[in-house]
């Protein structure tokens, strides 16, 4: 019997259309989550109501400043599980995701973070014309927040995710790697990334976020190199 408690954090801002399906994919896990925390990140639609319809099964907390890194950090601060996972409000988990990842962590105690492959899919409600403008990558290694299961102690040791416009997880994971935390990749598709008309990376104009993310990783590596050379 698997004994780990998993806190699942779902930031949402204007994700009413897909949020319930994302939450449902968590509730259908073969290893039940200890808690599901939806972070209300300043939506102007009915996202909060969509989460509250699940009753006590889902806890909703507020982070009114729109920023995905800030929202993830708020969820981490509220979490009580010894393992932490993130899910974007428009994506889906396959039922065995958490169980498969927990099995890796139990068998490999030296591993701190477990990722899975993921698959892009076009949201079924889109018209043919809307679908024509979208293209996914098929299945691929998912080095992203929504595939990761992380030991809580490791996550806190790395520190909070940067509050930058884009690429906050890229930056955080780069810092985790440079600090020596170990990762594993499950080579099966266990997460499905929804392609739709409002994907953040399609519409966010401030691409400087990626540059900021890269700089944070480089700064972390340089600082670690200086510390090792001291």
C-alpha atoms as a PDB file:
ATOM      1  CA  UNK A   1       0.000   0.000   0.000  1.00  0.00           C
ATOM      2  CA  UNK A   2       1.472   3.308  -1.098  1.00  0.00           C
ATOM      3  CA  UNK A   3       1.644   5.661   1.859  1.00  0.00           C
ATOM      4  CA  UNK A   4       2.730   8.975   0.334  1.00  0.00           C
ATOM      5  CA  UNK A   5       0.462  12.010   0.509  1.00  0.00           C
ATOM      6  CA  UNK A   6       0.305  14.066  -2.700  1.00  0.00           C
ATOM      7  CA  UNK A   7      -0.709  17.722  -2.860  1.00  0.00           C
ATOM      8  CA  UNK A   8      -1.905  18.694  -6.342  1.00  0.00           C
ATOM      9  CA  UNK A   9      -1.736  22.399  -7.218  1.00  0.00           C
ATOM     10  CA  UNK A  10      -3.790  23.809 -10.098  1.00  0.00           C
ATOM     11  CA  UNK A  11      -3.326  27.522 -10.831  1.00  0.00           C
ATOM     12  CA  UNK A  12      -6.195  29.009 -12.843  1.00  0.00           C
ATOM     13  CA  UNK A  13      -6.883  32.302 -14.524  1.00  0.00           C
ATOM     14  CA  UNK A  14      -9.782  32.409 -16.991  1.00  0.00           C
ATOM     15  CA  UNK A  15      -9.812  28.633 -17.336  1.00  0.00           C
ATOM     16  CA  UNK A  16     -13.485  27.986 -16.675  1.00  0.00           C
ATOM     17  CA  UNK A  17     -14.005  26.050 -19.896  1.00  0.00           C
ATOM     18  CA  UNK A  18     -11.503  23.276 -19.056  1.00  0.00           C
ATOM     19  CA  UNK A  19     -10.911  23.424 -15.289  1.00  0.00           C
ATOM     20  CA  UNK A  20     -13.546  20.874 -14.244  1.00  0.00           C
ATOM     21  CA  UNK A  21     -12.119  18.297 -16.646  1.00  0.00           C
ATOM     22  CA  UNK A  22      -8.610  18.896 -15.294  1.00  0.00           C
ATOM     23  CA  UNK A  23      -9.784  18.459 -11.690  1.00  0.00           C
ATOM     24  CA  UNK A  24     -11.723  15.342 -12.643  1.00  0.00           C
ATOM     25  CA  UNK A  25      -8.550  13.806 -14.106  1.00  0.00           C
ATOM     26  CA  UNK A  26      -6.897  14.269 -10.703  1.00  0.00           C
ATOM     27  CA  UNK A  27      -9.828  12.766  -8.819  1.00  0.00           C
ATOM     28  CA  UNK A  28      -9.678   9.680 -11.072  1.00  0.00           C
ATOM     29  CA  UNK A  29      -6.077   8.853 -10.160  1.00  0.00           C
ATOM     30  CA  UNK A  30      -5.476   5.259  -9.081  1.00  0.00           C
ATOM     31  CA  UNK A  31      -3.415   6.686  -6.211  1.00  0.00           C
ATOM     32  CA  UNK A  32      -5.767   9.313  -4.734  1.00  0.00           C
ATOM     33  CA  UNK A  33      -4.357  12.760  -4.094  1.00  0.00           C
ATOM     34  CA  UNK A  34      -4.178  13.840  -0.461  1.00  0.00           C
ATOM     35  CA  UNK A  35      -5.464  17.283  -1.439  1.00  0.00           C
ATOM     36  CA  UNK A  36      -6.330  19.295  -4.532  1.00  0.00           C
ATOM     37  CA  UNK A  37      -5.558  23.006  -4.280  1.00  0.00           C
ATOM     38  CA  UNK A  38      -6.896  25.357  -6.947  1.00  0.00           C
ATOM     39  CA  UNK A  39      -5.166  28.739  -6.900  1.00  0.00           C
ATOM     40  CA  UNK A  40      -7.536  31.500  -8.008  1.00  0.00           C
ATOM     41  CA  UNK A  41      -5.077  33.727  -9.886  1.00  0.00           C
ATOM     42  CA  UNK A  42      -7.310  36.705 -10.640  1.00  0.00           C
ATOM     43  CA  UNK A  43      -9.739  35.247 -13.197  1.00  0.00           C
ATOM     44  CA  UNK A  44     -12.492  37.346 -14.727  1.00  0.00           C
ATOM     45  CA  UNK A  45     -14.627  34.367 -15.732  1.00  0.00           C
ATOM     46  CA  UNK A  46     -16.329  31.614 -13.718  1.00  0.00           C
ATOM     47  CA  UNK A  47     -13.175  29.630 -12.894  1.00  0.00           C
ATOM     48  CA  UNK A  48     -13.671  29.914  -9.155  1.00  0.00           C
ATOM     49  CA  UNK A  49     -17.268  28.727  -9.370  1.00  0.00           C
ATOM     50  CA  UNK A  50     -16.161  25.767 -11.493  1.00  0.00           C
ATOM     51  CA  UNK A  51     -13.721  24.721  -8.751  1.00  0.00           C
ATOM     52  CA  UNK A  52     -16.153  25.322  -5.908  1.00  0.00           C
ATOM     53  CA  UNK A  53     -18.696  22.976  -7.493  1.00  0.00           C
ATOM     54  CA  UNK A  54     -16.488  20.088  -6.317  1.00  0.00           C
ATOM     55  CA  UNK A  55     -17.229  21.042  -2.710  1.00  0.00           C
ATOM     56  CA  UNK A  56     -14.781  20.025   0.001  1.00  0.00           C
ATOM     57  CA  UNK A  57     -12.944  17.730  -2.406  1.00  0.00           C
ATOM     58  CA  UNK A  58     -11.144  20.803  -3.751  1.00  0.00           C
ATOM     59  CA  UNK A  59      -9.682  23.678  -1.739  1.00  0.00           C
ATOM     60  CA  UNK A  60      -9.644  27.089  -3.417  1.00  0.00           C
ATOM     61  CA  UNK A  61      -7.123  29.718  -2.314  1.00  0.00           C
ATOM     62  CA  UNK A  62      -6.527  33.239  -3.601  1.00  0.00           C
ATOM     63  CA  UNK A  63      -3.502  34.758  -5.295  1.00  0.00           C
ATOM     64  CA  UNK A  64      -4.942  37.881  -6.944  1.00  0.00           C
ATOM     65  CA  UNK A  65      -1.753  39.051  -8.703  1.00  0.00           C
ATOM     66  CA  UNK A  66      -1.809  37.383 -12.156  1.00  0.00           C
ATOM     67  CA  UNK A  67       1.460  35.444 -12.424  1.00  0.00           C
ATOM     68  CA  UNK A  68       1.815  31.692 -12.909  1.00  0.00           C
ATOM     69  CA  UNK A  69       4.992  31.467 -10.812  1.00  0.00           C
ATOM     70  CA  UNK A  70       3.374  33.415  -7.990  1.00  0.00           C
ATOM     71  CA  UNK A  71       0.287  31.178  -8.166  1.00  0.00           C
ATOM     72  CA  UNK A  72       2.366  27.991  -8.041  1.00  0.00           C
ATOM     73  CA  UNK A  73       4.277  29.336  -5.036  1.00  0.00           C
ATOM     74  CA  UNK A  74       1.037  30.187  -3.218  1.00  0.00           C
ATOM     75  CA  UNK A  75      -0.140  26.611  -3.754  1.00  0.00           C
ATOM     76  CA  UNK A  76       3.139  25.200  -2.443  1.00  0.00           C
ATOM     77  CA  UNK A  77       2.879  27.309   0.704  1.00  0.00           C
ATOM     78  CA  UNK A  78      -0.633  25.964   1.314  1.00  0.00           C
ATOM     79  CA  UNK A  79       0.273  22.328   0.579  1.00  0.00           C
ATOM     80  CA  UNK A  80       0.704  19.706   3.303  1.00  0.00           C
ATOM     81  CA  UNK A  81       1.668  16.597   1.286  1.00  0.00           C
ATOM     82  CA  UNK A  82       5.117  15.058   1.312  1.00  0.00           C
ATOM     83  CA  UNK A  83       4.933  15.028  -2.504  1.00  0.00           C
ATOM     84  CA  UNK A  84       3.822  17.911  -4.720  1.00  0.00           C
ATOM     85  CA  UNK A  85       2.463  17.904  -8.264  1.00  0.00           C
ATOM     86  CA  UNK A  86       1.275  20.681 -10.546  1.00  0.00           C
ATOM     87  CA  UNK A  87      -1.399  20.584 -13.231  1.00  0.00           C
ATOM     88  CA  UNK A  88      -2.334  23.364 -15.623  1.00  0.00           C
ATOM     89  CA  UNK A  89      -6.053  24.132 -15.644  1.00  0.00           C
ATOM     90  CA  UNK A  90      -6.474  23.057 -19.273  1.00  0.00           C
ATOM     91  CA  UNK A  91      -4.440  19.828 -19.253  1.00  0.00           C
ATOM     92  CA  UNK A  92      -5.220  16.238 -18.223  1.00  0.00           C
ATOM     93  CA  UNK A  93      -3.591  13.371 -16.352  1.00  0.00           C
ATOM     94  CA  UNK A  94      -4.039   9.715 -17.233  1.00  0.00           C
ATOM     95  CA  UNK A  95      -5.346   7.686 -14.230  1.00  0.00           C
ATOM     96  CA  UNK A  96      -2.080   5.862 -13.326  1.00  0.00           C
ATOM     97  CA  UNK A  97       0.170   8.964 -13.417  1.00  0.00           C
ATOM     98  CA  UNK A  98       0.665   9.511  -9.700  1.00  0.00           C
ATOM     99  CA  UNK A  99       0.900   5.803  -8.873  1.00  0.00           C
ATOM    100  CA  UNK A 100       3.575   5.242 -11.522  1.00  0.00           C
ATOM    101  CA  UNK A 101       5.615   8.209 -10.311  1.00  0.00           C
ATOM    102  CA  UNK A 102       5.331   7.261  -6.642  1.00  0.00           C
ATOM    103  CA  UNK A 103       6.565   3.794  -7.525  1.00  0.00           C
ATOM    104  CA  UNK A 104       9.716   5.348  -9.046  1.00  0.00           C
ATOM    105  CA  UNK A 105      10.335   7.474  -5.950  1.00  0.00           C
ATOM    106  CA  UNK A 106       9.932   4.464  -3.682  1.00  0.00           C
ATOM    107  CA  UNK A 107      12.253   2.289  -5.743  1.00  0.00           C
ATOM    108  CA  UNK A 108      14.847   5.033  -6.287  1.00  0.00           C
ATOM    109  CA  UNK A 109      15.249   7.050  -3.079  1.00  0.00           C
ATOM    110  CA  UNK A 110      18.050   9.079  -4.670  1.00  0.00           C
ATOM    111  CA  UNK A 111      15.558  10.581  -7.164  1.00  0.00           C
ATOM    112  CA  UNK A 112      13.824  13.827  -6.166  1.00  0.00           C
ATOM    113  CA  UNK A 113      11.705  14.640  -9.243  1.00  0.00           C
ATOM    114  CA  UNK A 114       9.850  12.301 -11.604  1.00  0.00           C
ATOM    115  CA  UNK A 115       8.554  13.372 -15.019  1.00  0.00           C
ATOM    116  CA  UNK A 116       6.539  11.576 -17.717  1.00  0.00           C
ATOM    117  CA  UNK A 117       6.059  11.753 -21.428  1.00  0.00           C
ATOM    118  CA  UNK A 118       3.166  13.895 -22.613  1.00  0.00           C
ATOM    119  CA  UNK A 119       0.956  14.157 -25.674  1.00  0.00           C
ATOM    120  CA  UNK A 120      -0.447  17.262 -27.371  1.00  0.00           C
ATOM    121  CA  UNK A 121      -4.106  17.046 -28.352  1.00  0.00           C
ATOM    122  CA  UNK A 122      -6.399  19.563 -30.018  1.00  0.00           C
ATOM    123  CA  UNK A 123      -9.385  20.479 -27.856  1.00  0.00           C
ATOM    124  CA  UNK A 124     -12.437  18.682 -29.293  1.00  0.00           C
ATOM    125  CA  UNK A 125     -14.819  21.661 -29.187  1.00  0.00           C
ATOM    126  CA  UNK A 126     -12.828  23.626 -31.785  1.00  0.00           C
ATOM    127  CA  UNK A 127     -14.128  24.005 -35.321  1.00  0.00           C
ATOM    128  CA  UNK A 128     -12.195  22.728 -38.328  1.00  0.00           C
ATOM    129  CA  UNK A 129     -11.130  26.280 -39.123  1.00  0.00           C
ATOM    130  CA  UNK A 130      -9.824  26.792 -35.585  1.00  0.00           C
ATOM    131  CA  UNK A 131      -8.039  23.445 -35.633  1.00  0.00           C
ATOM    132  CA  UNK A 132      -6.233  24.421 -38.825  1.00  0.00           C
ATOM    133  CA  UNK A 133      -4.264  27.066 -36.949  1.00  0.00           C
ATOM    134  CA  UNK A 134      -3.009  24.677 -34.276  1.00  0.00           C
ATOM    135  CA  UNK A 135      -0.212  22.155 -34.391  1.00  0.00           C
ATOM    136  CA  UNK A 136       1.120  19.995 -31.592  1.00  0.00           C
ATOM    137  CA  UNK A 137       4.294  17.946 -31.204  1.00  0.00           C
ATOM    138  CA  UNK A 138       2.635  14.577 -30.792  1.00  0.00           C
ATOM    139  CA  UNK A 139       4.182  12.665 -27.884  1.00  0.00           C
ATOM    140  CA  UNK A 140       7.448  13.796 -26.288  1.00  0.00           C
ATOM    141  CA  UNK A 141       9.413  13.931 -23.041  1.00  0.00           C
ATOM    142  CA  UNK A 142       7.522  16.257 -20.741  1.00  0.00           C
ATOM    143  CA  UNK A 143      10.098  18.301 -18.878  1.00  0.00           C
ATOM    144  CA  UNK A 144       7.318  20.577 -17.604  1.00  0.00           C
ATOM    145  CA  UNK A 145       5.618  21.427 -14.332  1.00  0.00           C
ATOM    146  CA  UNK A 146       2.426  19.550 -15.181  1.00  0.00           C
ATOM    147  CA  UNK A 147       4.214  16.193 -15.570  1.00  0.00           C
ATOM    148  CA  UNK A 148       6.417  16.528 -12.491  1.00  0.00           C
ATOM    149  CA  UNK A 149       5.979  14.836  -9.135  1.00  0.00           C
ATOM    150  CA  UNK A 150       8.477  16.229  -6.642  1.00  0.00           C
ATOM    151  CA  UNK A 151       9.449  15.482  -3.075  1.00  0.00           C
ATOM    152  CA  UNK A 152       8.250  18.421  -0.980  1.00  0.00           C
ATOM    153  CA  UNK A 153      11.566  18.683   0.858  1.00  0.00           C
ATOM    154  CA  UNK A 154      13.439  18.988  -2.434  1.00  0.00           C
ATOM    155  CA  UNK A 155      11.021  21.569  -3.807  1.00  0.00           C
ATOM    156  CA  UNK A 156      11.410  23.761  -0.727  1.00  0.00           C
ATOM    157  CA  UNK A 157      15.184  23.315  -0.803  1.00  0.00           C
ATOM    158  CA  UNK A 158      15.363  24.589  -4.390  1.00  0.00           C
ATOM    159  CA  UNK A 159      13.200  27.562  -3.461  1.00  0.00           C
ATOM    160  CA  UNK A 160      10.177  29.325  -4.969  1.00  0.00           C
ATOM    161  CA  UNK A 161       9.543  29.564  -8.675  1.00  0.00           C
ATOM    162  CA  UNK A 162      10.586  32.879 -10.234  1.00  0.00           C
ATOM    163  CA  UNK A 163       7.805  35.403 -10.700  1.00  0.00           C
ATOM    164  CA  UNK A 164       8.541  36.145 -14.342  1.00  0.00           C
ATOM    165  CA  UNK A 165       6.147  36.456 -17.320  1.00  0.00           C
ATOM    166  CA  UNK A 166       7.173  33.219 -19.016  1.00  0.00           C
ATOM    167  CA  UNK A 167       9.469  30.260 -18.445  1.00  0.00           C
ATOM    168  CA  UNK A 168       9.183  30.169 -14.663  1.00  0.00           C
ATOM    169  CA  UNK A 169       9.442  26.387 -14.563  1.00  0.00           C
ATOM    170  CA  UNK A 170      12.382  26.308 -16.973  1.00  0.00           C
ATOM    171  CA  UNK A 171      14.241  28.617 -14.617  1.00  0.00           C
ATOM    172  CA  UNK A 172      13.250  26.707 -11.473  1.00  0.00           C
ATOM    173  CA  UNK A 173      14.203  23.340 -12.931  1.00  0.00           C
ATOM    174  CA  UNK A 174      17.522  24.699 -14.131  1.00  0.00           C
ATOM    175  CA  UNK A 175      18.286  25.834 -10.587  1.00  0.00           C
ATOM    176  CA  UNK A 176      17.240  22.399  -9.262  1.00  0.00           C
ATOM    177  CA  UNK A 177      19.616  20.681 -11.685  1.00  0.00           C
ATOM    178  CA  UNK A 178      22.527  22.967 -10.875  1.00  0.00           C
ATOM    179  CA  UNK A 179      21.910  22.307  -7.157  1.00  0.00           C
ATOM    180  CA  UNK A 180      22.295  18.569  -7.749  1.00  0.00           C
ATOM    181  CA  UNK A 181      18.714  17.358  -7.408  1.00  0.00           C
ATOM    182  CA  UNK A 182      18.104  14.209  -9.441  1.00  0.00           C
ATOM    183  CA  UNK A 183      15.332  13.531 -11.947  1.00  0.00           C
ATOM    184  CA  UNK A 184      13.810  10.503 -13.630  1.00  0.00           C
ATOM    185  CA  UNK A 185      11.668  10.273 -16.761  1.00  0.00           C
ATOM    186  CA  UNK A 186       8.887   7.696 -17.219  1.00  0.00           C
ATOM    187  CA  UNK A 187       8.824   6.840 -20.927  1.00  0.00           C
ATOM    188  CA  UNK A 188       5.034   6.516 -21.167  1.00  0.00           C
ATOM    189  CA  UNK A 189       2.485   9.197 -22.001  1.00  0.00           C
ATOM    190  CA  UNK A 190       0.695   9.996 -18.741  1.00  0.00           C
ATOM    191  CA  UNK A 191      -0.138  13.684 -19.324  1.00  0.00           C
ATOM    192  CA  UNK A 192      -2.120  15.243 -22.144  1.00  0.00           C
ATOM    193  CA  UNK A 193      -1.549  18.871 -23.100  1.00  0.00           C
ATOM    194  CA  UNK A 194      -4.553  20.588 -24.597  1.00  0.00           C
ATOM    195  CA  UNK A 195      -4.059  22.758 -27.660  1.00  0.00           C
ATOM    196  CA  UNK A 196      -6.657  25.516 -27.878  1.00  0.00           C
ATOM    197  CA  UNK A 197      -7.043  29.158 -28.826  1.00  0.00           C
ATOM    198  CA  UNK A 198      -5.923  30.597 -25.491  1.00  0.00           C
ATOM    199  CA  UNK A 199      -2.720  28.683 -24.707  1.00  0.00           C
ATOM    200  CA  UNK A 200      -0.456  31.004 -22.735  1.00  0.00           C
ATOM    201  CA  UNK A 201       2.608  30.435 -24.889  1.00  0.00           C
ATOM    202  CA  UNK A 202       0.598  31.276 -28.024  1.00  0.00           C
ATOM    203  CA  UNK A 203      -0.646  34.635 -26.788  1.00  0.00           C
ATOM    204  CA  UNK A 204       1.831  35.989 -24.249  1.00  0.00           C
ATOM    205  CA  UNK A 205       3.631  38.840 -25.985  1.00  0.00           C
ATOM    206  CA  UNK A 206       6.381  39.331 -23.425  1.00  0.00           C
ATOM    207  CA  UNK A 207       8.872  36.737 -24.671  1.00  0.00           C
ATOM    208  CA  UNK A 208      11.482  38.365 -22.461  1.00  0.00           C
ATOM    209  CA  UNK A 209      10.322  35.913 -19.803  1.00  0.00           C
ATOM    210  CA  UNK A 210      12.321  33.172 -21.508  1.00  0.00           C
ATOM    211  CA  UNK A 211      15.395  35.381 -21.486  1.00  0.00           C
ATOM    212  CA  UNK A 212      14.891  36.072 -17.792  1.00  0.00           C
ATOM    213  CA  UNK A 213      14.534  32.340 -17.164  1.00  0.00           C
ATOM    214  CA  UNK A 214      17.784  31.595 -18.989  1.00  0.00           C
ATOM    215  CA  UNK A 215      19.596  34.309 -17.039  1.00  0.00           C
ATOM    216  CA  UNK A 216      18.370  32.908 -13.711  1.00  0.00           C
ATOM    217  CA  UNK A 217      19.696  29.465 -14.612  1.00  0.00           C
ATOM    218  CA  UNK A 218      23.081  30.847 -15.678  1.00  0.00           C
ATOM    219  CA  UNK A 219      23.336  32.958 -12.532  1.00  0.00           C
ATOM    220  CA  UNK A 220      22.584  29.871 -10.419  1.00  0.00           C
ATOM    221  CA  UNK A 221      25.262  27.804 -12.173  1.00  0.00           C
ATOM    222  CA  UNK A 222      27.840  30.576 -11.809  1.00  0.00           C
ATOM    223  CA  UNK A 223      27.067  30.986  -8.104  1.00  0.00           C
ATOM    224  CA  UNK A 224      27.376  27.249  -7.560  1.00  0.00           C
ATOM    225  CA  UNK A 225      30.674  27.180  -9.441  1.00  0.00           C
ATOM    226  CA  UNK A 226      32.047  30.000  -7.300  1.00  0.00           C
ATOM    227  CA  UNK A 227      30.929  28.210  -4.132  1.00  0.00           C
ATOM    228  CA  UNK A 228      32.609  24.954  -5.196  1.00  0.00           C
ATOM    229  CA  UNK A 229      35.802  26.799  -6.115  1.00  0.00           C
ATOM    230  CA  UNK A 230      35.970  28.669  -2.827  1.00  0.00           C
END
